[in-house]
Amino acid sequence: MDAAVQDVKRDNMVARLRRVEGQLRGIQRMIQVREPCEDIARQMTAARRALDRAFYEMIACSMEQELGKSGDDVGGQYEAVAAVTRILSKYG
C-alpha cells in the first residue's frame, strides 16, 4: 500500500476517533444535566458502534499488513492468517 493511501487511512481513523471523543463528551454532559436514561443509552450505543467500526478498520489494516508480508508464499499466507486470528482472539 502506498504512503498516500496510508496517510489518508490514518487521517480518516483519527477523524473517526475524534468524532467518538465528541460523542463521549456529549454523553458526559447529558449525564450531568440529568437527561433521561434511555436517551443517554441511545447515545452510548451510537458511540460504541462508532468505536466498533474504528476497531474493525484497524483489524482490516492489520490483516493487510500481515498478508502483505507474506507475498506469494502460501506458507507465509497461512502464517499471516494465523497472526490475524491471534489478533482477533486477543482483541475481538
PDB file of N, CA and C in Angstrom:
ATOM      1  N   MET A   1       0.863  -1.172   0.000  1.00  0.00           N
ATOM      2  CA  MET A   1       0.000   0.000   0.000  1.00  0.00           C
ATOM      3  C   MET A   1       0.907   1.232   0.000  1.00  0.00           C
ATOM      4  N   ASP A   2       0.596   2.164  -0.869  1.00  0.00           N
ATOM      5  CA  ASP A   2       1.496   3.309  -0.956  1.00  0.00           C
ATOM      6  C   ASP A   2       1.263   4.299   0.184  1.00  0.00           C
ATOM      7  N   ALA A   3       2.231   5.158   0.363  1.00  0.00           N
ATOM      8  CA  ALA A   3       2.231   6.076   1.512  1.00  0.00           C
ATOM      9  C   ALA A   3       1.042   7.031   1.492  1.00  0.00           C
ATOM     10  N   ALA A   4       0.622   7.471   0.311  1.00  0.00           N
ATOM     11  CA  ALA A   4      -0.508   8.408   0.231  1.00  0.00           C
ATOM     12  C   ALA A   4      -1.788   7.751   0.738  1.00  0.00           C
ATOM     13  N   VAL A   5      -2.003   6.495   0.369  1.00  0.00           N
ATOM     14  CA  VAL A   5      -3.190   5.767   0.833  1.00  0.00           C
ATOM     15  C   VAL A   5      -3.119   5.566   2.340  1.00  0.00           C
ATOM     16  N   GLN A   6      -1.935   5.220   2.835  1.00  0.00           N
ATOM     17  CA  GLN A   6      -1.758   5.047   4.284  1.00  0.00           C
ATOM     18  C   GLN A   6      -2.054   6.342   5.029  1.00  0.00           C
ATOM     19  N   ASP A   7      -1.594   7.459   4.485  1.00  0.00           N
ATOM     20  CA  ASP A   7      -1.841   8.755   5.126  1.00  0.00           C
ATOM     21  C   ASP A   7      -3.331   9.070   5.185  1.00  0.00           C
ATOM     22  N   VAL A   8      -4.039   8.794   4.100  1.00  0.00           N
ATOM     23  CA  VAL A   8      -5.485   9.045   4.068  1.00  0.00           C
ATOM     24  C   VAL A   8      -6.188   8.161   5.090  1.00  0.00           C
ATOM     25  N   LYS A   9      -5.815   6.885   5.132  1.00  0.00           N
ATOM     26  CA  LYS A   9      -6.436   5.970   6.099  1.00  0.00           C
ATOM     27  C   LYS A   9      -6.156   6.418   7.532  1.00  0.00           C
ATOM     28  N   ARG A  10      -4.930   6.838   7.785  1.00  0.00           N
ATOM     29  CA  ARG A  10      -4.561   7.301   9.123  1.00  0.00           C
ATOM     30  C   ARG A  10      -5.372   8.544   9.499  1.00  0.00           C
ATOM     31  N   ASP A  11      -5.469   9.487   8.580  1.00  0.00           N
ATOM     32  CA  ASP A  11      -6.244  10.708   8.837  1.00  0.00           C
ATOM     33  C   ASP A  11      -7.717  10.388   9.079  1.00  0.00           C
ATOM     34  N   ASN A  12      -8.266   9.455   8.293  1.00  0.00           N
ATOM     35  CA  ASN A  12      -9.663   9.057   8.480  1.00  0.00           C
ATOM     36  C   ASN A  12      -9.880   8.412   9.846  1.00  0.00           C
ATOM     37  N   MET A  13      -8.929   7.594  10.284  1.00  0.00           N
ATOM     38  CA  MET A  13      -9.055   6.935  11.586  1.00  0.00           C
ATOM     39  C   MET A  13      -9.015   7.969  12.711  1.00  0.00           C
ATOM     40  N   VAL A  14      -8.097   8.907  12.627  1.00  0.00           N
ATOM     41  CA  VAL A  14      -8.006   9.949  13.656  1.00  0.00           C
ATOM     42  C   VAL A  14      -9.297  10.768  13.685  1.00  0.00           C
ATOM     43  N   ALA A  15      -9.833  11.103  12.516  1.00  0.00           N
ATOM     44  CA  ALA A  15     -11.085  11.866  12.460  1.00  0.00           C
ATOM     45  C   ALA A  15     -12.231  11.068  13.079  1.00  0.00           C
ATOM     46  N   ARG A  16     -12.281   9.777  12.789  1.00  0.00           N
ATOM     47  CA  ARG A  16     -13.332   8.923  13.357  1.00  0.00           C
ATOM     48  C   ARG A  16     -13.228   8.896  14.881  1.00  0.00           C
ATOM     49  N   LEU A  17     -12.013   8.754  15.389  1.00  0.00           N
ATOM     50  CA  LEU A  17     -11.823   8.707  16.843  1.00  0.00           C
ATOM     51  C   LEU A  17     -12.150  10.051  17.494  1.00  0.00           C
ATOM     52  N   ARG A  18     -11.872  11.138  16.797  1.00  0.00           N
ATOM     53  CA  ARG A  18     -12.243  12.458  17.335  1.00  0.00           C
ATOM     54  C   ARG A  18     -13.760  12.606  17.430  1.00  0.00           C
ATOM     55  N   ARG A  19     -14.466  12.059  16.436  1.00  0.00           N
ATOM     56  CA  ARG A  19     -15.936  12.102  16.494  1.00  0.00           C
ATOM     57  C   ARG A  19     -16.447  11.288  17.681  1.00  0.00           C
ATOM     58  N   VAL A  20     -15.850  10.127  17.904  1.00  0.00           N
ATOM     59  CA  VAL A  20     -16.245   9.304  19.060  1.00  0.00           C
ATOM     60  C   VAL A  20     -15.961  10.064  20.350  1.00  0.00           C
ATOM     61  N   GLU A  21     -14.810  10.712  20.399  1.00  0.00           N
ATOM     62  CA  GLU A  21     -14.459  11.508  21.575  1.00  0.00           C
ATOM     63  C   GLU A  21     -15.514  12.590  21.826  1.00  0.00           C
ATOM     64  N   GLY A  22     -15.958  13.252  20.764  1.00  0.00           N
ATOM     65  CA  GLY A  22     -17.003  14.263  20.894  1.00  0.00           C
ATOM     66  C   GLY A  22     -18.315  13.660  21.378  1.00  0.00           C
ATOM     67  N   GLN A  23     -18.636  12.467  20.869  1.00  0.00           N
ATOM     68  CA  GLN A  23     -19.849  11.791  21.334  1.00  0.00           C
ATOM     69  C   GLN A  23     -19.759  11.502  22.832  1.00  0.00           C
ATOM     70  N   LEU A  24     -18.600  11.049  23.280  1.00  0.00           N
ATOM     71  CA  LEU A  24     -18.437  10.731  24.703  1.00  0.00           C
ATOM     72  C   LEU A  24     -18.550  11.979  25.572  1.00  0.00           C
ATOM     73  N   ARG A  25     -17.997  13.092  25.090  1.00  0.00           N
ATOM     74  CA  ARG A  25     -18.152  14.340  25.846  1.00  0.00           C
ATOM     75  C   ARG A  25     -19.620  14.742  25.926  1.00  0.00           C
ATOM     76  N   GLY A  26     -20.337  14.552  24.829  1.00  0.00           N
ATOM     77  CA  GLY A  26     -21.767  14.846  24.823  1.00  0.00           C
ATOM     78  C   GLY A  26     -22.528  13.966  25.801  1.00  0.00           C
ATOM     79  N   ILE A  27     -22.158  12.710  25.892  1.00  0.00           N
ATOM     80  CA  ILE A  27     -22.800  11.791  26.840  1.00  0.00           C
ATOM     81  C   ILE A  27     -22.529  12.239  28.271  1.00  0.00           C
ATOM     82  N   GLN A  28     -21.310  12.663  28.533  1.00  0.00           N
ATOM     83  CA  GLN A  28     -20.987  13.161  29.876  1.00  0.00           C
ATOM     84  C   GLN A  28     -21.869  14.349  30.233  1.00  0.00           C
ATOM     85  N   ARG A  29     -22.042  15.261  29.272  1.00  0.00           N
ATOM     86  CA  ARG A  29     -22.902  16.423  29.524  1.00  0.00           C
ATOM     87  C   ARG A  29     -24.346  15.986  29.771  1.00  0.00           C
ATOM     88  N   MET A  30     -24.807  15.017  29.002  1.00  0.00           N
ATOM     89  CA  MET A  30     -26.177  14.524  29.183  1.00  0.00           C
ATOM     90  C   MET A  30     -26.376  13.974  30.593  1.00  0.00           C
ATOM     91  N   ILE A  31     -25.385  13.260  31.079  1.00  0.00           N
ATOM     92  CA  ILE A  31     -25.470  12.694  32.432  1.00  0.00           C
ATOM     93  C   ILE A  31     -25.484  13.818  33.460  1.00  0.00           C
ATOM     94  N   GLN A  32     -24.618  14.814  33.262  1.00  0.00           N
ATOM     95  CA  GLN A  32     -24.533  15.917  34.218  1.00  0.00           C
ATOM     96  C   GLN A  32     -25.828  16.717  34.310  1.00  0.00           C
ATOM     97  N   VAL A  33     -26.532  16.864  33.197  1.00  0.00           N
ATOM     98  CA  VAL A  33     -27.773  17.647  33.220  1.00  0.00           C
ATOM     99  C   VAL A  33     -29.003  16.761  33.408  1.00  0.00           C
ATOM    100  N   ARG A  34     -28.752  15.518  33.726  1.00  0.00           N
ATOM    101  CA  ARG A  34     -29.815  14.556  34.066  1.00  0.00           C
ATOM    102  C   ARG A  34     -30.809  14.311  32.922  1.00  0.00           C
ATOM    103  N   GLU A  35     -30.275  14.089  31.744  1.00  0.00           N
ATOM    104  CA  GLU A  35     -31.129  13.694  30.619  1.00  0.00           C
ATOM    105  C   GLU A  35     -31.726  12.317  30.929  1.00  0.00           C
ATOM    106  N   PRO A  36     -32.812  11.957  30.282  1.00  0.00           N
ATOM    107  CA  PRO A  36     -33.414  10.635  30.513  1.00  0.00           C
ATOM    108  C   PRO A  36     -32.433   9.503  30.176  1.00  0.00           C
ATOM    109  N   CYS A  37     -32.466   8.468  30.984  1.00  0.00           N
ATOM    110  CA  CYS A  37     -31.530   7.351  30.830  1.00  0.00           C
ATOM    111  C   CYS A  37     -31.607   6.710  29.447  1.00  0.00           C
ATOM    112  N   GLU A  38     -32.806   6.601  28.912  1.00  0.00           N
ATOM    113  CA  GLU A  38     -32.937   5.983  27.587  1.00  0.00           C
ATOM    114  C   GLU A  38     -32.238   6.816  26.516  1.00  0.00           C
ATOM    115  N   ASP A  39     -32.312   8.126  26.615  1.00  0.00           N
ATOM    116  CA  ASP A  39     -31.619   8.996  25.658  1.00  0.00           C
ATOM    117  C   ASP A  39     -30.108   8.820  25.775  1.00  0.00           C
ATOM    118  N   ILE A  40     -29.633   8.717  27.004  1.00  0.00           N
ATOM    119  CA  ILE A  40     -28.197   8.510  27.237  1.00  0.00           C
ATOM    120  C   ILE A  40     -27.774   7.160  26.680  1.00  0.00           C
ATOM    121  N   ALA A  41     -28.577   6.132  26.942  1.00  0.00           N
ATOM    122  CA  ALA A  41     -28.264   4.790  26.442  1.00  0.00           C
ATOM    123  C   ALA A  41     -28.193   4.779  24.913  1.00  0.00           C
ATOM    124  N   ARG A  42     -29.096   5.507  24.273  1.00  0.00           N
ATOM    125  CA  ARG A  42     -29.107   5.585  22.807  1.00  0.00           C
ATOM    126  C   ARG A  42     -27.792   6.189  22.307  1.00  0.00           C
ATOM    127  N   GLN A  43     -27.349   7.246  22.957  1.00  0.00           N
ATOM    128  CA  GLN A  43     -26.097   7.889  22.549  1.00  0.00           C
ATOM    129  C   GLN A  43     -24.889   7.001  22.847  1.00  0.00           C
ATOM    130  N   MET A  44     -24.947   6.272  23.954  1.00  0.00           N
ATOM    131  CA  MET A  44     -23.861   5.338  24.278  1.00  0.00           C
ATOM    132  C   MET A  44     -23.775   4.239  23.219  1.00  0.00           C
ATOM    133  N   THR A  45     -24.917   3.769  22.771  1.00  0.00           N
ATOM    134  CA  THR A  45     -24.942   2.747  21.729  1.00  0.00           C
ATOM    135  C   THR A  45     -24.318   3.277  20.443  1.00  0.00           C
ATOM    136  N   ALA A  46     -24.647   4.494  20.085  1.00  0.00           N
ATOM    137  CA  ALA A  46     -24.085   5.096  18.872  1.00  0.00           C
ATOM    138  C   ALA A  46     -22.570   5.234  18.992  1.00  0.00           C
ATOM    139  N   ALA A  47     -22.090   5.672  20.150  1.00  0.00           N
ATOM    140  CA  ALA A  47     -20.646   5.830  20.359  1.00  0.00           C
ATOM    141  C   ALA A  47     -19.950   4.473  20.318  1.00  0.00           C
ATOM    142  N   ARG A  48     -20.569   3.480  20.936  1.00  0.00           N
ATOM    143  CA  ARG A  48     -19.975   2.137  20.946  1.00  0.00           C
ATOM    144  C   ARG A  48     -19.884   1.588  19.524  1.00  0.00           C
ATOM    145  N   ARG A  49     -20.931   1.776  18.743  1.00  0.00           N
ATOM    146  CA  ARG A  49     -20.906   1.289  17.357  1.00  0.00           C
ATOM    147  C   ARG A  49     -19.852   2.013  16.533  1.00  0.00           C
ATOM    148  N   ALA A  50     -19.716   3.305  16.749  1.00  0.00           N
ATOM    149  CA  ALA A  50     -18.694   4.065  16.025  1.00  0.00           C
ATOM    150  C   ALA A  50     -17.300   3.570  16.400  1.00  0.00           C
ATOM    151  N   LEU A  51     -17.084   3.283  17.667  1.00  0.00           N
ATOM    152  CA  LEU A  51     -15.791   2.760  18.103  1.00  0.00           C
ATOM    153  C   LEU A  51     -15.571   1.353  17.555  1.00  0.00           C
ATOM    154  N   ASP A  52     -16.615   0.544  17.504  1.00  0.00           N
ATOM    155  CA  ASP A  52     -16.507  -0.792  16.906  1.00  0.00           C
ATOM    156  C   ASP A  52     -16.095  -0.690  15.442  1.00  0.00           C
ATOM    157  N   ARG A  53     -16.686   0.245  14.699  1.00  0.00           N
ATOM    158  CA  ARG A  53     -16.321   0.409  13.289  1.00  0.00           C
ATOM    159  C   ARG A  53     -14.848   0.797  13.158  1.00  0.00           C
ATOM    160  N   ALA A  54     -14.367   1.653  14.033  1.00  0.00           N
ATOM    161  CA  ALA A  54     -12.951   2.024  14.012  1.00  0.00           C
ATOM    162  C   ALA A  54     -12.084   0.807  14.315  1.00  0.00           C
ATOM    163  N   PHE A  55     -12.521  -0.005  15.273  1.00  0.00           N
ATOM    164  CA  PHE A  55     -11.789  -1.220  15.620  1.00  0.00           C
ATOM    165  C   PHE A  55     -11.715  -2.161  14.415  1.00  0.00           C
ATOM    166  N   TYR A  56     -12.831  -2.353  13.717  1.00  0.00           N
ATOM    167  CA  TYR A  56     -12.840  -3.251  12.565  1.00  0.00           C
ATOM    168  C   TYR A  56     -11.932  -2.735  11.455  1.00  0.00           C
ATOM    169  N   GLU A  57     -11.886  -1.437  11.277  1.00  0.00           N
ATOM    170  CA  GLU A  57     -10.970  -0.873  10.287  1.00  0.00           C
ATOM    171  C   GLU A  57      -9.521  -1.134  10.686  1.00  0.00           C
ATOM    172  N   MET A  58      -9.229  -1.037  11.980  1.00  0.00           N
ATOM    173  CA  MET A  58      -7.870  -1.288  12.453  1.00  0.00           C
ATOM    174  C   MET A  58      -7.502  -2.760  12.255  1.00  0.00           C
ATOM    175  N   ILE A  59      -8.450  -3.660  12.506  1.00  0.00           N
ATOM    176  CA  ILE A  59      -8.198  -5.084  12.278  1.00  0.00           C
ATOM    177  C   ILE A  59      -7.958  -5.338  10.789  1.00  0.00           C
ATOM    178  N   ALA A  60      -8.736  -4.696   9.926  1.00  0.00           N
ATOM    179  CA  ALA A  60      -8.536  -4.844   8.483  1.00  0.00           C
ATOM    180  C   ALA A  60      -7.143  -4.359   8.089  1.00  0.00           C
ATOM    181  N   CYS A  61      -6.706  -3.274   8.692  1.00  0.00           N
ATOM    182  CA  CYS A  61      -5.357  -2.758   8.435  1.00  0.00           C
ATOM    183  C   CYS A  61      -4.312  -3.788   8.849  1.00  0.00           C
ATOM    184  N   SER A  62      -4.520  -4.393  10.001  1.00  0.00           N
ATOM    185  CA  SER A  62      -3.598  -5.422  10.485  1.00  0.00           C
ATOM    186  C   SER A  62      -3.559  -6.604   9.523  1.00  0.00           C
ATOM    187  N   MET A  63      -4.724  -6.999   9.026  1.00  0.00           N
ATOM    188  CA  MET A  63      -4.780  -8.108   8.073  1.00  0.00           C
ATOM    189  C   MET A  63      -4.019  -7.763   6.800  1.00  0.00           C
ATOM    190  N   GLU A  64      -4.212  -6.552   6.299  1.00  0.00           N
ATOM    191  CA  GLU A  64      -3.498  -6.122   5.093  1.00  0.00           C
ATOM    192  C   GLU A  64      -1.991  -6.169   5.319  1.00  0.00           C
ATOM    193  N   GLN A  65      -1.545  -5.700   6.486  1.00  0.00           N
ATOM    194  CA  GLN A  65      -0.114  -5.704   6.786  1.00  0.00           C
ATOM    195  C   GLN A  65       0.431  -7.125   6.858  1.00  0.00           C
ATOM    196  N   GLU A  66      -0.282  -8.001   7.572  1.00  0.00           N
ATOM    197  CA  GLU A  66       0.185  -9.378   7.716  1.00  0.00           C
ATOM    198  C   GLU A  66       0.204 -10.097   6.373  1.00  0.00           C
ATOM    199  N   LEU A  67      -0.850  -9.942   5.584  1.00  0.00           N
ATOM    200  CA  LEU A  67      -0.899 -10.604   4.284  1.00  0.00           C
ATOM    201  C   LEU A  67       0.113  -9.996   3.322  1.00  0.00           C
ATOM    202  N   GLY A  68       0.366  -8.706   3.458  1.00  0.00           N
ATOM    203  CA  GLY A  68       1.367  -8.061   2.618  1.00  0.00           C
ATOM    204  C   GLY A  68       2.772  -8.578   2.881  1.00  0.00           C
ATOM    205  N   LYS A  69       3.040  -8.964   4.126  1.00  0.00           N
ATOM    206  CA  LYS A  69       4.353  -9.508   4.481  1.00  0.00           C
ATOM    207  C   LYS A  69       4.595 -10.857   3.823  1.00  0.00           C
ATOM    208  N   SER A  70       3.517 -11.624   3.598  1.00  0.00           N
ATOM    209  CA  SER A  70       3.666 -12.990   3.113  1.00  0.00           C
ATOM    210  C   SER A  70       3.920 -13.067   1.613  1.00  0.00           C
ATOM    211  N   GLY A  71       3.538 -12.031   0.871  1.00  0.00           N
ATOM    212  CA  GLY A  71       3.727 -12.052  -0.576  1.00  0.00           C
ATOM    213  C   GLY A  71       2.983 -13.208  -1.218  1.00  0.00           C
ATOM    214  N   ASP A  72       3.652 -13.912  -2.148  1.00  0.00           N
ATOM    215  CA  ASP A  72       3.025 -15.044  -2.840  1.00  0.00           C
ATOM    216  C   ASP A  72       3.306 -16.364  -2.142  1.00  0.00           C
ATOM    217  N   ASP A  73       4.032 -16.344  -1.055  1.00  0.00           N
ATOM    218  CA  ASP A  73       4.390 -17.555  -0.320  1.00  0.00           C
ATOM    219  C   ASP A  73       3.160 -18.109   0.400  1.00  0.00           C
ATOM    220  N   VAL A  74       2.686 -19.285  -0.033  1.00  0.00           N
ATOM    221  CA  VAL A  74       1.482 -19.879   0.556  1.00  0.00           C
ATOM    222  C   VAL A  74       1.687 -20.160   2.035  1.00  0.00           C
ATOM    223  N   GLY A  75       2.843 -20.680   2.401  1.00  0.00           N
ATOM    224  CA  GLY A  75       3.133 -20.928   3.817  1.00  0.00           C
ATOM    225  C   GLY A  75       3.105 -19.641   4.612  1.00  0.00           C
ATOM    226  N   GLY A  76       3.632 -18.587   4.021  1.00  0.00           N
ATOM    227  CA  GLY A  76       3.609 -17.284   4.675  1.00  0.00           C
ATOM    228  C   GLY A  76       2.201 -16.746   4.819  1.00  0.00           C
ATOM    229  N   GLN A  77       1.349 -17.043   3.850  1.00  0.00           N
ATOM    230  CA  GLN A  77      -0.043 -16.606   3.940  1.00  0.00           C
ATOM    231  C   GLN A  77      -0.758 -17.314   5.081  1.00  0.00           C
ATOM    232  N   TYR A  78      -0.475 -18.607   5.255  1.00  0.00           N
ATOM    233  CA  TYR A  78      -1.077 -19.327   6.379  1.00  0.00           C
ATOM    234  C   TYR A  78      -0.617 -18.731   7.708  1.00  0.00           C
ATOM    235  N   GLU A  79       0.663 -18.388   7.779  1.00  0.00           N
ATOM    236  CA  GLU A  79       1.186 -17.755   8.994  1.00  0.00           C
ATOM    237  C   GLU A  79       0.528 -16.392   9.213  1.00  0.00           C
ATOM    238  N   ALA A  80       0.306 -15.654   8.130  1.00  0.00           N
ATOM    239  CA  ALA A  80      -0.338 -14.342   8.238  1.00  0.00           C
ATOM    240  C   ALA A  80      -1.768 -14.488   8.740  1.00  0.00           C
ATOM    241  N   VAL A  81      -2.489 -15.473   8.219  1.00  0.00           N
ATOM    242  CA  VAL A  81      -3.858 -15.712   8.682  1.00  0.00           C
ATOM    243  C   VAL A  81      -3.844 -16.111  10.153  1.00  0.00           C
ATOM    244  N   ALA A  82      -2.870 -16.926  10.552  1.00  0.00           N
ATOM    245  CA  ALA A  82      -2.754 -17.316  11.962  1.00  0.00           C
ATOM    246  C   ALA A  82      -2.485 -16.093  12.834  1.00  0.00           C
ATOM    247  N   ALA A  83      -1.657 -15.177  12.349  1.00  0.00           N
ATOM    248  CA  ALA A  83      -1.365 -13.955  13.108  1.00  0.00           C
ATOM    249  C   ALA A  83      -2.623 -13.108  13.262  1.00  0.00           C
ATOM    250  N   VAL A  84      -3.397 -12.986  12.201  1.00  0.00           N
ATOM    251  CA  VAL A  84      -4.642 -12.215  12.271  1.00  0.00           C
ATOM    252  C   VAL A  84      -5.626 -12.895  13.216  1.00  0.00           C
ATOM    253  N   THR A  85      -5.685 -14.219  13.162  1.00  0.00           N
ATOM    254  CA  THR A  85      -6.568 -14.966  14.064  1.00  0.00           C
ATOM    255  C   THR A  85      -6.195 -14.704  15.515  1.00  0.00           C
ATOM    256  N   ARG A  86      -4.897 -14.659  15.807  1.00  0.00           N
ATOM    257  CA  ARG A  86      -4.451 -14.358  17.182  1.00  0.00           C
ATOM    258  C   ARG A  86      -4.890 -12.954  17.594  1.00  0.00           C
ATOM    259  N   ILE A  87      -4.774 -12.011  16.685  1.00  0.00           N
ATOM    260  CA  ILE A  87      -5.184 -10.635  16.985  1.00  0.00           C
ATOM    261  C   ILE A  87      -6.682 -10.580  17.267  1.00  0.00           C
ATOM    262  N   LEU A  88      -7.468 -11.247  16.421  1.00  0.00           N
ATOM    263  CA  LEU A  88      -8.922 -11.261  16.628  1.00  0.00           C
ATOM    264  C   LEU A  88      -9.287 -11.939  17.942  1.00  0.00           C
ATOM    265  N   SER A  89      -8.587 -13.027  18.271  1.00  0.00           N
ATOM    266  CA  SER A  89      -8.863 -13.721  19.534  1.00  0.00           C
ATOM    267  C   SER A  89      -8.519 -12.849  20.728  1.00  0.00           C
ATOM    268  N   LYS A  90      -7.452 -12.100  20.596  1.00  0.00           N
ATOM    269  CA  LYS A  90      -6.991 -11.276  21.711  1.00  0.00           C
ATOM    270  C   LYS A  90      -7.860 -10.040  21.909  1.00  0.00           C
ATOM    271  N   TYR A  91      -8.240  -9.380  20.818  1.00  0.00           N
ATOM    272  CA  TYR A  91      -8.921  -8.092  20.930  1.00  0.00           C
ATOM    273  C   TYR A  91     -10.385  -8.112  20.498  1.00  0.00           C
ATOM    274  N   GLY A  92     -10.799  -9.139  19.790  1.00  0.00           N
ATOM    275  CA  GLY A  92     -12.137  -9.144  19.199  1.00  0.00           C
ATOM    276  C   GLY A  92     -13.218  -9.672  20.044  1.00  0.00           C
TER     277      GLY A  92
END
